[in-house]
Amino acid sequence: MEKRVIAYSHKMKGDLDDDYTLYEDGEVLHEYDRHRYPGGYNLKATLRADQLKDSVKERLLNATDPADKDLAKELLGIE
């Protein structure tokens, strides 16, 4: 069964991706590029909210649909 996306935040650091997706089960997928050289593109990491910086939590909260704001706050541990 596919998980529902609560928020998706896309950001570029120069020409490198730095994207976060928050799912309804609290999982956060970080898709990013570390550097431009071979092996540095299209990397992925699965994280929990307690592993995120406050700035990333704010990015995700700002990207959340208003109908899902309360759920996103709960999943991200934001009061």
PDB file of N, CA and C in Angstrom:
ATOM      1  N   MET A   1       0.841  -1.184   0.000  1.00  0.00           N
ATOM      2  CA  MET A   1       0.000   0.000   0.000  1.00  0.00           C
ATOM      3  C   MET A   1       0.883   1.244   0.000  1.00  0.00           C
ATOM      4  N   GLU A   2       0.541   2.186  -0.839  1.00  0.00           N
ATOM      5  CA  GLU A   2       1.314   3.406  -0.973  1.00  0.00           C
ATOM      6  C   GLU A   2       1.010   4.374   0.160  1.00  0.00           C
ATOM      7  N   LYS A   3       2.070   4.990   0.679  1.00  0.00           N
ATOM      8  CA  LYS A   3       1.904   5.967   1.763  1.00  0.00           C
ATOM      9  C   LYS A   3       1.513   7.321   1.183  1.00  0.00           C
ATOM     10  N   ARG A   4       0.692   8.032   1.928  1.00  0.00           N
ATOM     11  CA  ARG A   4       0.258   9.364   1.492  1.00  0.00           C
ATOM     12  C   ARG A   4       1.329  10.398   1.850  1.00  0.00           C
ATOM     13  N   VAL A   5       1.607  11.270   0.911  1.00  0.00           N
ATOM     14  CA  VAL A   5       2.557  12.353   1.119  1.00  0.00           C
ATOM     15  C   VAL A   5       1.846  13.497   1.831  1.00  0.00           C
ATOM     16  N   ILE A   6       2.415  13.932   2.931  1.00  0.00           N
ATOM     17  CA  ILE A   6       1.869  15.067   3.691  1.00  0.00           C
ATOM     18  C   ILE A   6       2.517  16.366   3.219  1.00  0.00           C
ATOM     19  N   ALA A   7       3.828  16.329   2.940  1.00  0.00           N
ATOM     20  CA  ALA A   7       4.541  17.530   2.491  1.00  0.00           C
ATOM     21  C   ALA A   7       5.729  17.131   1.632  1.00  0.00           C
ATOM     22  N   TYR A   8       6.024  17.982   0.651  1.00  0.00           N
ATOM     23  CA  TYR A   8       7.200  17.805  -0.188  1.00  0.00           C
ATOM     24  C   TYR A   8       7.880  19.156  -0.310  1.00  0.00           C
ATOM     25  N   SER A   9       9.153  19.225   0.062  1.00  0.00           N
ATOM     26  CA  SER A   9       9.904  20.471  -0.019  1.00  0.00           C
ATOM     27  C   SER A   9      11.106  20.272  -0.931  1.00  0.00           C
ATOM     28  N   HIS A  10      11.124  21.012  -2.022  1.00  0.00           N
ATOM     29  CA  HIS A  10      12.220  20.951  -2.998  1.00  0.00           C
ATOM     30  C   HIS A  10      13.101  22.178  -2.807  1.00  0.00           C
ATOM     31  N   LYS A  11      14.413  21.955  -2.781  1.00  0.00           N
ATOM     32  CA  LYS A  11      15.352  23.060  -2.649  1.00  0.00           C
ATOM     33  C   LYS A  11      16.607  22.702  -3.438  1.00  0.00           C
ATOM     34  N   MET A  12      17.218  23.703  -3.993  1.00  0.00           N
ATOM     35  CA  MET A  12      18.473  23.512  -4.718  1.00  0.00           C
ATOM     36  C   MET A  12      19.585  24.254  -3.981  1.00  0.00           C
ATOM     37  N   LYS A  13      20.739  23.614  -3.878  1.00  0.00           N
ATOM     38  CA  LYS A  13      21.957  24.250  -3.371  1.00  0.00           C
ATOM     39  C   LYS A  13      22.866  24.374  -4.583  1.00  0.00           C
ATOM     40  N   GLY A  14      22.786  25.503  -5.251  1.00  0.00           N
ATOM     41  CA  GLY A  14      23.465  25.638  -6.540  1.00  0.00           C
ATOM     42  C   GLY A  14      22.754  24.750  -7.534  1.00  0.00           C
ATOM     43  N   ASP A  15      23.452  23.751  -8.056  1.00  0.00           N
ATOM     44  CA  ASP A  15      22.810  22.803  -8.971  1.00  0.00           C
ATOM     45  C   ASP A  15      22.601  21.429  -8.312  1.00  0.00           C
ATOM     46  N   LEU A  16      22.662  21.388  -6.975  1.00  0.00           N
ATOM     47  CA  LEU A  16      22.495  20.141  -6.237  1.00  0.00           C
ATOM     48  C   LEU A  16      21.131  20.108  -5.547  1.00  0.00           C
ATOM     49  N   ASP A  17      20.430  18.997  -5.693  1.00  0.00           N
ATOM     50  CA  ASP A  17      19.110  18.823  -5.068  1.00  0.00           C
ATOM     51  C   ASP A  17      19.229  18.624  -3.559  1.00  0.00           C
ATOM     52  N   ASP A  18      18.203  19.065  -2.847  1.00  0.00           N
ATOM     53  CA  ASP A  18      18.091  18.873  -1.400  1.00  0.00           C
ATOM     54  C   ASP A  18      16.595  18.827  -1.073  1.00  0.00           C
ATOM     55  N   ASP A  19      15.962  17.671  -1.316  1.00  0.00           N
ATOM     56  CA  ASP A  19      14.514  17.523  -1.220  1.00  0.00           C
ATOM     57  C   ASP A  19      14.127  16.647  -0.032  1.00  0.00           C
ATOM     58  N   TYR A  20      13.006  17.018   0.596  1.00  0.00           N
ATOM     59  CA  TYR A  20      12.462  16.244   1.713  1.00  0.00           C
ATOM     60  C   TYR A  20      10.992  15.949   1.447  1.00  0.00           C
ATOM     61  N   THR A  21      10.574  14.705   1.763  1.00  0.00           N
ATOM     62  CA  THR A  21       9.182  14.293   1.654  1.00  0.00           C
ATOM     63  C   THR A  21       8.749  13.732   2.993  1.00  0.00           C
ATOM     64  N   LEU A  22       7.652  14.254   3.544  1.00  0.00           N
ATOM     65  CA  LEU A  22       7.076  13.769   4.793  1.00  0.00           C
ATOM     66  C   LEU A  22       5.862  12.914   4.464  1.00  0.00           C
ATOM     67  N   TYR A  23       5.849  11.691   4.992  1.00  0.00           N
ATOM     68  CA  TYR A  23       4.746  10.762   4.766  1.00  0.00           C
ATOM     69  C   TYR A  23       3.853  10.673   5.994  1.00  0.00           C
ATOM     70  N   GLU A  24       2.643  10.171   5.799  1.00  0.00           N
ATOM     71  CA  GLU A  24       1.635  10.110   6.855  1.00  0.00           C
ATOM     72  C   GLU A  24       2.042   9.235   8.039  1.00  0.00           C
ATOM     73  N   ASP A  25       3.008   8.342   7.858  1.00  0.00           N
ATOM     74  CA  ASP A  25       3.457   7.503   8.966  1.00  0.00           C
ATOM     75  C   ASP A  25       4.623   8.128   9.731  1.00  0.00           C
ATOM     76  N   GLY A  26       5.007   9.358   9.364  1.00  0.00           N
ATOM     77  CA  GLY A  26       6.081  10.071  10.043  1.00  0.00           C
ATOM     78  C   GLY A  26       7.447   9.877   9.413  1.00  0.00           C
ATOM     79  N   GLU A  27       7.543   9.002   8.432  1.00  0.00           N
ATOM     80  CA  GLU A  27       8.809   8.792   7.743  1.00  0.00           C
ATOM     81  C   GLU A  27       9.134  10.010   6.900  1.00  0.00           C
ATOM     82  N   VAL A  28      10.425  10.346   6.853  1.00  0.00           N
ATOM     83  CA  VAL A  28      10.882  11.457   6.019  1.00  0.00           C
ATOM     84  C   VAL A  28      11.936  10.920   5.059  1.00  0.00           C
ATOM     85  N   LEU A  29      11.716  11.133   3.771  1.00  0.00           N
ATOM     86  CA  LEU A  29      12.674  10.727   2.757  1.00  0.00           C
ATOM     87  C   LEU A  29      13.479  11.953   2.341  1.00  0.00           C
ATOM     88  N   HIS A  30      14.804  11.862   2.459  1.00  0.00           N
ATOM     89  CA  HIS A  30      15.697  12.934   2.033  1.00  0.00           C
ATOM     90  C   HIS A  30      16.371  12.475   0.750  1.00  0.00           C
ATOM     91  N   GLU A  31      16.105  13.178  -0.346  1.00  0.00           N
ATOM     92  CA  GLU A  31      16.727  12.899  -1.636  1.00  0.00           C
ATOM     93  C   GLU A  31      17.632  14.085  -1.950  1.00  0.00           C
ATOM     94  N   TYR A  32      18.915  13.790  -2.198  1.00  0.00           N
ATOM     95  CA  TYR A  32      19.875  14.877  -2.315  1.00  0.00           C
ATOM     96  C   TYR A  32      21.047  14.489  -3.202  1.00  0.00           C
ATOM     97  N   ASP A  33      21.792  15.517  -3.575  1.00  0.00           N
ATOM     98  CA  ASP A  33      23.048  15.353  -4.291  1.00  0.00           C
ATOM     99  C   ASP A  33      24.146  15.870  -3.364  1.00  0.00           C
ATOM    100  N   ARG A  34      25.175  15.070  -3.152  1.00  0.00           N
ATOM    101  CA  ARG A  34      26.273  15.467  -2.267  1.00  0.00           C
ATOM    102  C   ARG A  34      27.279  16.351  -3.011  1.00  0.00           C
ATOM    103  N   HIS A  35      27.598  15.967  -4.254  1.00  0.00           N
ATOM    104  CA  HIS A  35      28.537  16.724  -5.074  1.00  0.00           C
ATOM    105  C   HIS A  35      28.311  16.358  -6.538  1.00  0.00           C
ATOM    106  N   ARG A  36      28.994  17.045  -7.423  1.00  0.00           N
ATOM    107  CA  ARG A  36      28.789  16.874  -8.861  1.00  0.00           C
ATOM    108  C   ARG A  36      29.552  15.699  -9.465  1.00  0.00           C
ATOM    109  N   TYR A  37      30.383  15.082  -8.699  1.00  0.00           N
ATOM    110  CA  TYR A  37      31.240  14.018  -9.218  1.00  0.00           C
ATOM    111  C   TYR A  37      30.531  12.665  -9.156  1.00  0.00           C
ATOM    112  N   PRO A  38      31.011  11.685  -9.912  1.00  0.00           N
ATOM    113  CA  PRO A  38      30.369  10.363  -9.906  1.00  0.00           C
ATOM    114  C   PRO A  38      30.157   9.829  -8.482  1.00  0.00           C
ATOM    115  N   GLY A  39      28.964   9.309  -8.263  1.00  0.00           N
ATOM    116  CA  GLY A  39      28.620   8.778  -6.948  1.00  0.00           C
ATOM    117  C   GLY A  39      28.021   9.806  -6.004  1.00  0.00           C
ATOM    118  N   GLY A  40      27.949  11.056  -6.412  1.00  0.00           N
ATOM    119  CA  GLY A  40      27.441  12.110  -5.544  1.00  0.00           C
ATOM    120  C   GLY A  40      26.021  12.542  -5.834  1.00  0.00           C
ATOM    121  N   TYR A  41      25.401  11.967  -6.872  1.00  0.00           N
ATOM    122  CA  TYR A  41      24.051  12.350  -7.275  1.00  0.00           C
ATOM    123  C   TYR A  41      23.013  11.320  -6.854  1.00  0.00           C
ATOM    124  N   ASN A  42      21.781  11.808  -6.700  1.00  0.00           N
ATOM    125  CA  ASN A  42      20.610  10.953  -6.475  1.00  0.00           C
ATOM    126  C   ASN A  42      20.746  10.033  -5.263  1.00  0.00           C
ATOM    127  N   LEU A  43      21.193  10.596  -4.166  1.00  0.00           N
ATOM    128  CA  LEU A  43      21.325   9.850  -2.920  1.00  0.00           C
ATOM    129  C   LEU A  43      20.021   9.928  -2.148  1.00  0.00           C
ATOM    130  N   LYS A  44      19.746   8.910  -1.318  1.00  0.00           N
ATOM    131  CA  LYS A  44      18.512   8.869  -0.538  1.00  0.00           C
ATOM    132  C   LYS A  44      18.812   8.408   0.877  1.00  0.00           C
ATOM    133  N   ALA A  45      18.067   8.982   1.822  1.00  0.00           N
ATOM    134  CA  ALA A  45      18.153   8.562   3.217  1.00  0.00           C
ATOM    135  C   ALA A  45      16.758   8.652   3.820  1.00  0.00           C
ATOM    136  N   THR A  46      16.399   7.653   4.619  1.00  0.00           N
ATOM    137  CA  THR A  46      15.124   7.664   5.325  1.00  0.00           C
ATOM    138  C   THR A  46      15.402   8.114   6.754  1.00  0.00           C
ATOM    139  N   LEU A  47      14.666   9.136   7.195  1.00  0.00           N
ATOM    140  CA  LEU A  47      14.909   9.757   8.496  1.00  0.00           C
ATOM    141  C   LEU A  47      13.651   9.777   9.354  1.00  0.00           C
ATOM    142  N   ARG A  48      13.860  10.073  10.629  1.00  0.00           N
ATOM    143  CA  ARG A  48      12.767  10.324  11.574  1.00  0.00           C
ATOM    144  C   ARG A  48      12.790  11.816  11.908  1.00  0.00           C
ATOM    145  N   ALA A  49      11.696  12.320  12.409  1.00  0.00           N
ATOM    146  CA  ALA A  49      11.593  13.755  12.719  1.00  0.00           C
ATOM    147  C   ALA A  49      12.668  14.207  13.697  1.00  0.00           C
ATOM    148  N   ASP A  50      13.037  13.349  14.651  1.00  0.00           N
ATOM    149  CA  ASP A  50      14.037  13.760  15.640  1.00  0.00           C
ATOM    150  C   ASP A  50      15.448  13.853  15.047  1.00  0.00           C
ATOM    151  N   GLN A  51      15.624  13.441  13.808  1.00  0.00           N
ATOM    152  CA  GLN A  51      16.909  13.553  13.127  1.00  0.00           C
ATOM    153  C   GLN A  51      16.992  14.804  12.252  1.00  0.00           C
ATOM    154  N   LEU A  52      15.909  15.564  12.178  1.00  0.00           N
ATOM    155  CA  LEU A  52      15.854  16.737  11.304  1.00  0.00           C
ATOM    156  C   LEU A  52      16.226  18.006  12.045  1.00  0.00           C
ATOM    157  N   LYS A  53      16.884  18.903  11.343  1.00  0.00           N
ATOM    158  CA  LYS A  53      17.150  20.238  11.877  1.00  0.00           C
ATOM    159  C   LYS A  53      15.830  21.000  11.911  1.00  0.00           C
ATOM    160  N   ASP A  54      15.742  21.976  12.783  1.00  0.00           N
ATOM    161  CA  ASP A  54      14.533  22.797  12.881  1.00  0.00           C
ATOM    162  C   ASP A  54      14.224  23.487  11.556  1.00  0.00           C
ATOM    163  N   SER A  55      15.251  23.893  10.825  1.00  0.00           N
ATOM    164  CA  SER A  55      15.028  24.567   9.538  1.00  0.00           C
ATOM    165  C   SER A  55      14.358  23.631   8.526  1.00  0.00           C
ATOM    166  N   VAL A  56      14.684  22.357   8.566  1.00  0.00           N
ATOM    167  CA  VAL A  56      14.062  21.380   7.664  1.00  0.00           C
ATOM    168  C   VAL A  56      12.615  21.139   8.080  1.00  0.00           C
ATOM    169  N   LYS A  57      12.372  21.069   9.380  1.00  0.00           N
ATOM    170  CA  LYS A  57      10.995  20.910   9.870  1.00  0.00           C
ATOM    171  C   LYS A  57      10.134  22.083   9.421  1.00  0.00           C
ATOM    172  N   GLU A  58      10.685  23.287   9.488  1.00  0.00           N
ATOM    173  CA  GLU A  58       9.947  24.473   9.038  1.00  0.00           C
ATOM    174  C   GLU A  58       9.685  24.421   7.531  1.00  0.00           C
ATOM    175  N   ARG A  59      10.678  23.982   6.758  1.00  0.00           N
ATOM    176  CA  ARG A  59      10.484  23.827   5.310  1.00  0.00           C
ATOM    177  C   ARG A  59       9.318  22.901   5.028  1.00  0.00           C
ATOM    178  N   LEU A  60       9.289  21.756   5.720  1.00  0.00           N
ATOM    179  CA  LEU A  60       8.219  20.791   5.503  1.00  0.00           C
ATOM    180  C   LEU A  60       6.875  21.345   5.945  1.00  0.00           C
ATOM    181  N   LEU A  61       6.843  22.010   7.088  1.00  0.00           N
ATOM    182  CA  LEU A  61       5.587  22.584   7.566  1.00  0.00           C
ATOM    183  C   LEU A  61       5.064  23.632   6.593  1.00  0.00           C
ATOM    184  N   ASN A  62       5.948  24.456   6.059  1.00  0.00           N
ATOM    185  CA  ASN A  62       5.540  25.479   5.093  1.00  0.00           C
ATOM    186  C   ASN A  62       5.047  24.869   3.783  1.00  0.00           C
ATOM    187  N   ALA A  63       5.499  23.658   3.466  1.00  0.00           N
ATOM    188  CA  ALA A  63       5.092  22.989   2.230  1.00  0.00           C
ATOM    189  C   ALA A  63       3.822  22.148   2.409  1.00  0.00           C
ATOM    190  N   THR A  64       3.305  22.090   3.622  1.00  0.00           N
ATOM    191  CA  THR A  64       2.143  21.260   3.921  1.00  0.00           C
ATOM    192  C   THR A  64       0.853  21.958   3.531  1.00  0.00           C
ATOM    193  N   ASP A  65      -0.075  21.205   2.963  1.00  0.00           N
ATOM    194  CA  ASP A  65      -1.406  21.711   2.658  1.00  0.00           C
ATOM    195  C   ASP A  65      -2.072  22.131   3.972  1.00  0.00           C
ATOM    196  N   PRO A  66      -2.807  23.239   3.984  1.00  0.00           N
ATOM    197  CA  PRO A  66      -3.451  23.695   5.220  1.00  0.00           C
ATOM    198  C   PRO A  66      -4.294  22.620   5.920  1.00  0.00           C
ATOM    199  N   ALA A  67      -4.913  21.740   5.170  1.00  0.00           N
ATOM    200  CA  ALA A  67      -5.745  20.692   5.764  1.00  0.00           C
ATOM    201  C   ALA A  67      -4.919  19.679   6.560  1.00  0.00           C
ATOM    202  N   ASP A  68      -3.618  19.595   6.275  1.00  0.00           N
ATOM    203  CA  ASP A  68      -2.753  18.626   6.951  1.00  0.00           C
ATOM    204  C   ASP A  68      -1.774  19.261   7.938  1.00  0.00           C
ATOM    205  N   LYS A  69      -1.920  20.565   8.214  1.00  0.00           N
ATOM    206  CA  LYS A  69      -0.967  21.269   9.089  1.00  0.00           C
ATOM    207  C   LYS A  69      -0.882  20.644  10.474  1.00  0.00           C
ATOM    208  N   ASP A  70      -2.026  20.333  11.083  1.00  0.00           N
ATOM    209  CA  ASP A  70      -2.003  19.763  12.430  1.00  0.00           C
ATOM    210  C   ASP A  70      -1.297  18.412  12.450  1.00  0.00           C
ATOM    211  N   LEU A  71      -1.561  17.579  11.461  1.00  0.00           N
ATOM    212  CA  LEU A  71      -0.909  16.281  11.372  1.00  0.00           C
ATOM    213  C   LEU A  71       0.596  16.461  11.168  1.00  0.00           C
ATOM    214  N   ALA A  72       0.995  17.372  10.303  1.00  0.00           N
ATOM    215  CA  ALA A  72       2.428  17.617  10.061  1.00  0.00           C
ATOM    216  C   ALA A  72       3.110  18.089  11.337  1.00  0.00           C
ATOM    217  N   LYS A  73       2.477  18.994  12.080  1.00  0.00           N
ATOM    218  CA  LYS A  73       3.053  19.464  13.337  1.00  0.00           C
ATOM    219  C   LYS A  73       3.246  18.303  14.309  1.00  0.00           C
ATOM    220  N   GLU A  74       2.257  17.434  14.401  1.00  0.00           N
ATOM    221  CA  GLU A  74       2.344  16.268  15.289  1.00  0.00           C
ATOM    222  C   GLU A  74       3.487  15.349  14.840  1.00  0.00           C
ATOM    223  N   LEU A  75       3.562  15.044  13.555  1.00  0.00           N
ATOM    224  CA  LEU A  75       4.596  14.143  13.048  1.00  0.00           C
ATOM    225  C   LEU A  75       5.992  14.722  13.203  1.00  0.00           C
ATOM    226  N   LEU A  76       6.113  16.032  13.066  1.00  0.00           N
ATOM    227  CA  LEU A  76       7.414  16.677  13.159  1.00  0.00           C
ATOM    228  C   LEU A  76       7.791  17.098  14.569  1.00  0.00           C
ATOM    229  N   GLY A  77       6.855  16.959  15.507  1.00  0.00           N
ATOM    230  CA  GLY A  77       7.133  17.342  16.887  1.00  0.00           C
ATOM    231  C   GLY A  77       7.202  18.843  17.079  1.00  0.00           C
ATOM    232  N   ILE A  78       6.390  19.565  16.327  1.00  0.00           N
ATOM    233  CA  ILE A  78       6.336  21.032  16.410  1.00  0.00           C
ATOM    234  C   ILE A  78       5.089  21.416  17.197  1.00  0.00           C
ATOM    235  N   GLU A  79       5.268  22.312  18.150  1.00  0.00           N
ATOM    236  CA  GLU A  79       4.119  22.749  18.960  1.00  0.00           C
ATOM    237  C   GLU A  79       3.529  24.022  18.427  1.00  0.00           C
TER     238      GLU A  79
END
